[in-house]
Amino acid sequence: MANTRSQREAGASGSSGGRKKGGKRMGGRGKGGAPPLKSKKQVPRPKNLLLLNLCIRQNSVQQYLRSVPSIHTRQDVLNAYATSSRPDNTPGFLYLLKGDLADLEHFARDEHSQWLIDVVHGLCDPRQKSGQLWVWDSDGQDSLVNPGDPLRALVYEYRVPVPIRLTKISHRIKKSATDALGSGGTMRIRVVTRDGGRCWITGLVAWDEVINTRACPKRMGDEQSSFIYEEFTGTAPPLGLTIYNERFGISLTSNLDRHFDLYRIGLKPTNENYVVHDFTGNNLSVMGLPSAPQFSIPILHGYPVSPPNPSSPINPPAGILWWHYIQCVISKFDCYKGQRNITHYEEPIPMEDDSDLDCDDDDFSWPTAQFDRGRMMTKRIEQGTERMSEIASWVNA
């Protein structure tokens, strides 16, 4: 992912933190960055010195004006994303992310500060990436962050030349129901056909088992998903783009689909391919199940993947999967969920476990139902174990 020109120049200079000897700050007012702050100005103070904190000045954030009752047109989207003409004049800082340093390093991996730079662009300015990331040391001195700098348990501040609006938050608590005979079923056929029935992560071909997994939830609707497409890819959406377009879907096995759908695993764009990041905290295997020592199956976190059909023009753009990844980060570390009108509008459509989807009465239960369901669950567990054994043999072949 890209960072600002001034941030790249800081990285190329090799100077740690963007300072000359003697403590004199470099660079003044560069393109896309606010001027260095004088020591007399307010300094962000972390509440916990063991955490990494990421913040932005309150007066650099525009507030969303309204919550819309529905979104059906482009104008509805513009109304939902309308912000105040003036930013919040409240003094101080808005904290965007916070977490244990070790947890954040777990996701930054060998990208170090570049990962945090990419993430804060995604949170604050995904299209222009106009801001700069600065860090405050324990003495209240600030310095520009170089992309290769190691992360530290300090306060990082994102500075922007003009006020921005924060990326809205998508709350996916449970999975939408799929209409197998409608647009959802058609989308699955197109996505799985494009991918040759191959799971993006495991690489296994399983036409009958892979699921069309959505990067953007169906409940966001056509107009809102098109807006996100434009915001995170930097290009106009294809003519007639809908939420049922193949560009919003990838093929995954059911175990992986469940976690991906709820922002528990994400695909981070890296060098035109992707790396899987596991946000569950459960050290999953590439099968989406807790890793088992008896099976030599790779760990999910850090696993490199690429589209099964890399040359397909209808693969999801990297920006769409980047939006999904940012939602994973927000779900794990976010501090700004309490902002006014910060969540995406979602259409009221049926969920997978809604009672009106059942073919029988919820209260009805046949005499042997408990035993039949137990046998069914046992069979599923046995099938899962057999599947893991088959995959282990395939991986080690």
Protein backbone atom coordinates (compact mmCIF):
# COMPACT_ATOMS: atom_id res chain seq x y z
CA MET A 1 0.00 0.00 0.00
CA ALA A 2 1.15 3.55 -0.71
CA ASN A 3 2.31 6.18 1.75
CA THR A 4 2.71 9.91 1.21
CA ARG A 5 5.64 11.24 -0.79
CA SER A 6 7.12 13.02 2.22
CA GLN A 7 6.83 9.85 4.27
CA ARG A 8 8.62 7.88 1.54
CA GLU A 9 11.37 10.51 1.38
CA ALA A 10 11.81 10.23 5.12
CA GLY A 11 12.26 6.49 4.73
CA ALA A 12 14.76 6.91 1.92
CA SER A 13 16.83 9.43 3.86
CA GLY A 14 17.69 6.82 6.47
CA SER A 15 17.19 9.30 9.28
CA SER A 16 15.40 7.81 12.25
CA GLY A 17 12.28 9.78 13.09
CA GLY A 18 12.95 12.60 10.62
CA ARG A 19 15.27 14.63 12.90
CA LYS A 20 18.61 16.24 12.34
CA LYS A 21 21.23 16.14 15.02
CA GLY A 22 20.58 18.64 17.74
CA GLY A 23 16.87 17.92 17.78
CA LYS A 24 15.97 20.26 14.89
CA ARG A 25 13.03 18.97 12.95
CA MET A 26 13.28 18.35 9.24
CA GLY A 27 10.96 19.23 6.52
CA GLY A 28 8.47 21.87 7.67
CA ARG A 29 5.24 21.95 5.72
CA GLY A 30 5.47 19.26 3.05
CA LYS A 31 2.89 18.08 0.59
CA GLY A 32 0.24 16.17 2.44
CA GLY A 33 1.53 16.85 5.95
CA ALA A 34 0.86 19.35 8.70
CA PRO A 35 3.80 21.39 10.01
CA PRO A 36 5.69 20.04 13.01
CA LEU A 37 4.16 21.16 16.26
CA LYS A 38 5.83 23.46 18.73
CA SER A 39 6.55 22.03 22.13
CA LYS A 40 4.10 24.45 23.81
CA LYS A 41 1.14 22.97 21.96
CA GLN A 42 -0.93 20.20 23.39
CA VAL A 43 0.72 16.79 23.43
CA PRO A 44 -1.27 13.53 23.30
CA ARG A 45 -0.82 11.58 26.50
CA PRO A 46 -1.41 7.81 26.55
CA LYS A 47 -3.50 6.41 29.38
CA ASN A 48 -1.48 3.19 29.40
CA LEU A 49 2.26 3.33 28.75
CA LEU A 50 2.30 -0.33 27.67
CA LEU A 51 0.02 0.29 24.70
CA LEU A 52 0.56 1.66 21.22
CA ASN A 53 -1.92 4.48 20.65
CA LEU A 54 -2.88 5.97 17.28
CA CYS A 55 -4.66 9.32 17.28
CA ILE A 56 -5.65 12.32 15.19
CA ARG A 57 -6.49 15.85 16.31
CA GLN A 58 -10.19 16.41 16.93
CA ASN A 59 -10.17 19.50 14.72
CA SER A 60 -8.86 17.41 11.81
CA VAL A 61 -11.97 15.21 11.74
CA GLN A 62 -15.21 16.15 10.02
CA GLN A 63 -18.36 14.84 11.68
CA TYR A 64 -21.02 12.89 9.79
CA LEU A 65 -24.21 14.94 9.87
CA ARG A 66 -27.01 12.42 9.78
CA SER A 67 -28.21 8.86 9.96
CA VAL A 68 -30.29 8.02 6.88
CA PRO A 69 -33.43 5.84 7.06
CA SER A 70 -32.54 4.02 3.83
CA ILE A 71 -30.15 4.06 0.89
CA HIS A 72 -31.50 3.38 -2.59
CA THR A 73 -29.92 6.08 -4.76
CA ARG A 74 -26.60 7.83 -5.23
CA GLN A 75 -28.06 10.89 -3.53
CA ASP A 76 -28.94 8.77 -0.50
CA VAL A 77 -25.28 7.73 -0.28
CA LEU A 78 -24.12 11.34 -0.53
CA ASN A 79 -26.54 12.24 2.26
CA ALA A 80 -25.22 9.40 4.43
CA TYR A 81 -21.62 10.54 3.91
CA ALA A 82 -22.27 14.26 4.21
CA THR A 83 -20.08 15.92 6.82
CA SER A 84 -20.10 19.23 8.63
CA SER A 85 -18.54 22.13 6.75
CA ARG A 86 -16.43 22.79 9.81
CA PRO A 87 -14.55 20.12 11.76
CA ASP A 88 -15.07 19.50 15.43
CA ASN A 89 -13.41 22.37 17.30
CA THR A 90 -13.12 20.32 20.47
CA PRO A 91 -9.50 20.54 21.65
CA GLY A 92 -7.48 17.42 22.06
CA PHE A 93 -7.18 14.14 20.24
CA LEU A 94 -9.43 11.39 18.95
CA TYR A 95 -7.91 7.95 19.46
CA LEU A 96 -8.33 5.71 16.42
CA LEU A 97 -6.63 2.51 17.53
CA LYS A 98 -4.95 1.18 20.61
CA GLY A 99 -3.50 -2.17 21.51
CA ASP A 100 -0.66 -4.05 23.11
CA LEU A 101 2.52 -3.51 21.16
CA ALA A 102 3.01 -7.27 20.74
CA ASP A 103 -0.48 -7.63 19.26
CA LEU A 104 0.11 -4.90 16.70
CA GLU A 105 3.55 -6.26 15.84
CA HIS A 106 1.84 -9.60 15.21
CA PHE A 107 0.05 -7.99 12.27
CA ALA A 108 2.77 -5.58 11.17
CA ARG A 109 5.26 -8.45 10.89
CA ASP A 110 8.29 -7.41 8.82
CA GLU A 111 6.48 -4.35 7.43
CA HIS A 112 7.06 -2.58 10.77
CA SER A 113 5.79 1.02 10.67
CA GLN A 114 4.73 0.74 7.03
CA TRP A 115 1.83 -1.41 8.20
CA LEU A 116 0.62 1.31 10.59
CA ILE A 117 1.04 3.97 7.89
CA ASP A 118 -1.09 1.93 5.50
CA VAL A 119 -3.73 1.27 8.14
CA VAL A 120 -4.09 4.90 9.19
CA HIS A 121 -4.46 5.93 5.54
CA GLY A 122 -7.22 3.34 5.28
CA LEU A 123 -8.93 4.70 8.39
CA CYS A 124 -8.68 8.37 7.50
CA ASP A 125 -7.95 9.00 3.83
CA PRO A 126 -7.99 5.85 1.66
CA ARG A 127 -8.19 7.69 -1.64
CA GLN A 128 -5.69 10.56 -1.31
CA LYS A 129 -3.42 9.21 1.45
CA SER A 130 -2.53 12.81 2.15
CA GLY A 131 -1.47 12.60 5.78
CA GLN A 132 1.76 11.86 7.59
CA LEU A 133 2.37 9.67 10.61
CA TRP A 134 4.29 11.18 13.50
CA VAL A 135 5.29 9.65 16.82
CA TRP A 136 5.59 11.27 20.24
CA ASP A 137 8.33 10.03 22.55
CA SER A 138 8.05 9.87 26.32
CA ASP A 139 9.55 13.37 26.63
CA GLY A 140 6.84 14.94 24.48
CA GLN A 141 9.07 15.31 21.41
CA ASP A 142 7.59 14.44 18.01
CA SER A 143 9.26 13.00 14.92
CA LEU A 144 8.20 11.80 11.49
CA VAL A 145 7.82 8.03 11.25
CA ASN A 146 9.95 6.21 8.70
CA PRO A 147 8.26 3.20 7.03
CA GLY A 148 11.03 0.87 8.22
CA ASP A 149 10.99 2.00 11.85
CA PRO A 150 10.01 -0.65 14.41
CA LEU A 151 6.72 -0.05 16.16
CA ARG A 152 6.96 1.24 19.72
CA ALA A 153 4.59 1.51 22.67
CA LEU A 154 4.15 5.25 22.16
CA VAL A 155 1.54 7.65 20.82
CA TYR A 156 1.35 7.96 17.04
CA GLU A 157 -0.41 10.93 15.48
CA TYR A 158 -1.79 11.19 11.95
CA ARG A 159 -1.51 14.75 10.62
CA VAL A 160 -3.45 15.90 7.60
CA PRO A 161 -3.32 19.14 5.58
CA VAL A 162 -7.13 19.43 5.49
CA PRO A 163 -9.86 17.87 7.66
CA ILE A 164 -10.89 14.32 6.75
CA ARG A 165 -13.83 12.01 7.37
CA LEU A 166 -13.19 8.70 9.05
CA THR A 167 -13.90 5.40 7.34
CA LYS A 168 -17.30 4.18 8.41
CA ILE A 169 -17.64 0.95 10.36
CA SER A 170 -19.46 -2.17 9.21
CA HIS A 171 -20.92 -4.30 12.01
CA ARG A 172 -21.32 -7.89 10.85
CA ILE A 173 -22.72 -9.81 13.80
CA LYS A 174 -24.10 -12.72 11.81
CA LYS A 175 -24.25 -13.93 8.24
CA SER A 176 -26.94 -12.92 5.74
CA ALA A 177 -29.14 -15.65 4.34
CA THR A 178 -28.45 -16.67 0.74
CA ASP A 179 -31.20 -17.10 -1.80
CA ALA A 180 -29.88 -20.10 -3.72
CA LEU A 181 -32.27 -19.48 -6.62
CA GLY A 182 -31.95 -15.70 -6.81
CA SER A 183 -29.19 -13.14 -7.37
CA GLY A 184 -27.10 -14.61 -4.54
CA GLY A 185 -27.16 -18.05 -6.14
CA THR A 186 -26.19 -16.58 -9.51
CA MET A 187 -23.31 -14.71 -7.89
CA ARG A 188 -22.03 -17.91 -6.28
CA ILE A 189 -22.02 -19.72 -9.63
CA ARG A 190 -20.08 -16.89 -11.26
CA VAL A 191 -17.56 -16.53 -8.41
CA VAL A 192 -16.89 -20.26 -8.06
CA THR A 193 -16.67 -20.67 -11.86
CA ARG A 194 -14.20 -17.80 -12.09
CA ASP A 195 -12.07 -19.44 -9.38
CA GLY A 196 -12.34 -22.91 -10.89
CA GLY A 197 -13.93 -24.22 -7.70
CA ARG A 198 -10.70 -23.48 -5.83
CA CYS A 199 -10.57 -21.98 -2.34
CA TRP A 200 -8.44 -18.84 -2.31
CA ILE A 201 -6.66 -19.84 0.91
CA THR A 202 -6.38 -23.63 1.03
CA GLY A 203 -5.92 -23.93 -2.73
CA LEU A 204 -8.11 -27.03 -2.74
CA VAL A 205 -10.61 -27.61 -5.53
CA ALA A 206 -14.01 -28.44 -4.04
CA TRP A 207 -16.82 -27.29 -6.31
CA ASP A 208 -19.58 -28.46 -4.00
CA GLU A 209 -17.98 -27.19 -0.79
CA VAL A 210 -16.58 -23.72 -1.49
CA ILE A 211 -18.77 -20.76 -0.64
CA ASN A 212 -19.10 -17.39 -2.30
CA THR A 213 -17.69 -15.23 0.49
CA ARG A 214 -18.49 -11.54 0.30
CA ALA A 215 -15.93 -8.82 0.97
CA CYS A 216 -18.76 -6.29 1.43
CA PRO A 217 -21.91 -7.52 3.16
CA LYS A 218 -25.02 -7.90 1.04
CA ARG A 219 -26.90 -5.69 3.51
CA MET A 220 -24.93 -2.64 2.34
CA GLY A 221 -26.82 -2.62 -0.97
CA ASP A 222 -25.79 -1.57 -4.46
CA GLU A 223 -25.24 2.18 -4.09
CA GLN A 224 -23.26 2.04 -0.87
CA SER A 225 -21.01 -0.79 -2.10
CA SER A 226 -20.36 1.18 -5.31
CA PHE A 227 -19.33 4.16 -3.19
CA ILE A 228 -16.88 1.99 -1.24
CA TYR A 229 -15.54 0.57 -4.50
CA GLU A 230 -14.75 4.08 -5.72
CA GLU A 231 -13.36 5.26 -2.38
CA PHE A 232 -10.96 2.34 -1.87
CA THR A 233 -9.91 1.55 -5.44
CA GLY A 234 -9.61 5.16 -6.59
CA THR A 235 -11.48 4.31 -9.81
CA ALA A 236 -15.06 4.66 -10.97
CA PRO A 237 -17.09 1.49 -10.43
CA PRO A 238 -17.97 -0.57 -13.52
CA LEU A 239 -21.23 0.44 -15.14
CA GLY A 240 -24.16 -1.28 -13.47
CA LEU A 241 -22.12 -2.58 -10.52
CA THR A 242 -24.29 -4.22 -7.85
CA ILE A 243 -23.54 -5.93 -4.55
CA TYR A 244 -24.09 -9.23 -6.39
CA ASN A 245 -21.19 -8.59 -8.77
CA GLU A 246 -18.36 -11.14 -8.78
CA ARG A 247 -15.88 -8.40 -7.88
CA PHE A 248 -17.24 -8.49 -4.33
CA GLY A 249 -16.77 -12.23 -3.83
CA ILE A 250 -14.07 -14.87 -3.32
CA SER A 251 -14.29 -18.66 -2.96
CA LEU A 252 -13.61 -20.03 0.52
CA THR A 253 -14.38 -23.21 2.41
CA SER A 254 -17.17 -22.96 4.98
CA ASN A 255 -14.85 -22.74 8.02
CA LEU A 256 -12.90 -19.87 6.49
CA ASP A 257 -16.06 -18.21 5.17
CA ARG A 258 -17.49 -17.94 8.68
CA HIS A 259 -14.45 -16.08 10.00
CA PHE A 260 -13.99 -13.90 6.91
CA ASP A 261 -17.64 -12.90 6.95
CA LEU A 262 -17.40 -11.61 10.53
CA TYR A 263 -14.08 -9.75 10.05
CA ARG A 264 -12.07 -12.35 11.95
CA ILE A 265 -9.68 -13.09 9.10
CA GLY A 266 -8.61 -10.77 6.30
CA LEU A 267 -6.45 -10.69 3.19
CA LYS A 268 -3.84 -7.93 3.25
CA PRO A 269 -2.78 -6.81 -0.24
CA THR A 270 0.98 -7.32 -0.55
CA ASN A 271 3.02 -7.04 -3.77
CA GLU A 272 0.04 -7.78 -6.05
CA ASN A 273 -0.89 -10.83 -3.99
CA TYR A 274 -2.20 -11.27 -0.47
CA VAL A 275 -1.19 -12.43 3.00
CA VAL A 276 -3.80 -13.90 5.34
CA HIS A 277 -4.06 -12.29 8.77
CA ASP A 278 -5.84 -14.14 11.58
CA PHE A 279 -7.68 -11.76 13.93
CA THR A 280 -9.38 -14.50 15.95
CA GLY A 281 -6.55 -14.95 18.45
CA ASN A 282 -7.00 -18.72 18.15
CA ASN A 283 -3.95 -19.59 16.03
CA LEU A 284 -6.03 -21.17 13.28
CA SER A 285 -4.73 -23.46 10.57
CA VAL A 286 -5.36 -22.71 6.89
CA MET A 287 -8.45 -24.88 7.27
CA GLY A 288 -10.01 -22.26 9.54
CA LEU A 289 -9.86 -24.64 12.51
CA PRO A 290 -7.62 -24.55 15.60
CA SER A 291 -4.21 -25.89 14.64
CA ALA A 292 -3.68 -29.55 15.57
CA PRO A 293 -0.13 -30.85 16.21
CA GLN A 294 -0.99 -34.26 14.75
CA PHE A 295 -1.65 -32.68 11.34
CA SER A 296 1.11 -30.90 9.44
CA ILE A 297 -1.19 -28.16 8.18
CA PRO A 298 0.19 -24.61 7.76
CA ILE A 299 -0.79 -21.89 10.21
CA LEU A 300 -3.26 -19.40 8.76
CA HIS A 301 -1.66 -16.17 9.98
CA GLY A 302 0.95 -14.94 7.51
CA TYR A 303 -0.01 -17.52 4.89
CA PRO A 304 0.59 -16.13 1.35
CA VAL A 305 -2.23 -16.52 -1.14
CA SER A 306 -3.06 -15.39 -4.66
CA PRO A 307 -6.26 -15.47 -6.73
CA PRO A 308 -6.93 -18.90 -8.26
CA ASN A 309 -7.37 -17.15 -11.62
CA PRO A 310 -4.92 -14.22 -11.42
CA SER A 311 -5.62 -12.89 -14.92
CA SER A 312 -9.40 -12.72 -14.51
CA PRO A 313 -10.74 -9.19 -15.07
CA ILE A 314 -13.54 -9.85 -12.58
CA ASN A 315 -11.37 -10.66 -9.56
CA PRO A 316 -12.00 -8.37 -6.59
CA PRO A 317 -9.79 -5.27 -6.87
CA ALA A 318 -7.16 -5.07 -4.14
CA GLY A 319 -8.97 -2.00 -2.79
CA ILE A 320 -12.11 -4.00 -2.01
CA LEU A 321 -10.17 -6.60 -0.02
CA TRP A 322 -8.26 -3.74 1.60
CA TRP A 323 -11.58 -2.22 2.77
CA HIS A 324 -12.46 -5.61 4.28
CA TYR A 325 -9.03 -5.80 5.96
CA ILE A 326 -9.49 -2.33 7.46
CA GLN A 327 -12.80 -3.50 8.92
CA CYS A 328 -10.92 -6.42 10.52
CA VAL A 329 -8.45 -3.98 12.10
CA ILE A 330 -11.28 -1.76 13.32
CA SER A 331 -13.09 -4.74 14.82
CA LYS A 332 -9.94 -5.78 16.70
CA PHE A 333 -8.40 -2.49 17.85
CA ASP A 334 -10.84 0.37 17.22
CA CYS A 335 -11.39 3.28 19.60
CA TYR A 336 -13.74 5.45 17.53
CA LYS A 337 -16.88 3.30 17.43
CA GLY A 338 -18.64 5.87 19.58
CA GLN A 339 -18.46 8.61 16.95
CA ARG A 340 -21.80 9.93 15.75
CA ASN A 341 -23.25 8.28 12.61
CA ILE A 342 -20.05 6.29 12.12
CA THR A 343 -21.64 2.97 11.15
CA HIS A 344 -22.68 1.96 7.64
CA TYR A 345 -26.35 1.80 6.83
CA GLU A 346 -27.47 -1.81 6.39
CA GLU A 347 -30.64 -2.98 4.72
CA PRO A 348 -33.01 -5.06 6.88
CA ILE A 349 -32.70 -8.41 5.11
CA PRO A 350 -33.03 -11.96 6.52
CA MET A 351 -30.14 -13.48 8.46
CA GLU A 352 -29.09 -17.13 8.26
CA ASP A 353 -30.66 -18.07 11.60
CA ASP A 354 -33.84 -16.00 11.30
CA SER A 355 -36.93 -18.03 12.12
CA ASP A 356 -38.74 -17.12 8.90
CA LEU A 357 -36.13 -19.05 6.95
CA ASP A 358 -37.04 -22.33 8.58
CA CYS A 359 -39.13 -24.81 6.66
CA ASP A 360 -40.86 -26.04 9.80
CA ASP A 361 -42.31 -24.60 12.97
CA ASP A 362 -39.62 -23.48 15.44
CA ASP A 363 -41.53 -25.17 18.24
CA PHE A 364 -41.90 -28.48 16.43
CA SER A 365 -39.59 -31.32 17.46
CA TRP A 366 -39.94 -34.98 16.57
CA PRO A 367 -39.43 -37.65 19.28
CA THR A 368 -35.86 -38.59 18.29
CA ALA A 369 -34.79 -35.05 17.29
CA GLN A 370 -32.15 -34.70 20.01
CA PHE A 371 -30.49 -37.99 19.09
CA ASP A 372 -30.70 -37.32 15.34
CA ARG A 373 -29.08 -33.92 15.74
CA GLY A 374 -26.37 -35.46 17.90
CA ARG A 375 -25.62 -38.07 15.24
CA MET A 376 -25.53 -35.35 12.60
CA MET A 377 -23.05 -33.28 14.61
CA THR A 378 -20.87 -36.35 15.24
CA LYS A 379 -20.84 -37.09 11.52
CA ARG A 380 -19.78 -33.52 10.72
CA ILE A 381 -16.91 -33.72 13.22
CA GLU A 382 -15.78 -37.04 11.73
CA GLN A 383 -15.93 -35.59 8.23
CA GLY A 384 -13.91 -32.57 9.34
CA THR A 385 -11.23 -34.79 10.88
CA GLU A 386 -11.04 -36.89 7.72
CA ARG A 387 -10.78 -33.72 5.65
CA MET A 388 -7.89 -32.39 7.75
CA SER A 389 -6.09 -35.71 7.37
CA GLU A 390 -6.54 -35.58 3.59
CA ILE A 391 -5.24 -32.02 3.45
CA ALA A 392 -2.25 -32.88 5.62
CA SER A 393 -1.38 -35.70 3.21
CA TRP A 394 -1.80 -33.33 0.27
CA VAL A 395 0.37 -30.60 1.86
CA ASN A 396 3.13 -33.05 2.77
CA ALA A 397 3.10 -34.87 -0.57
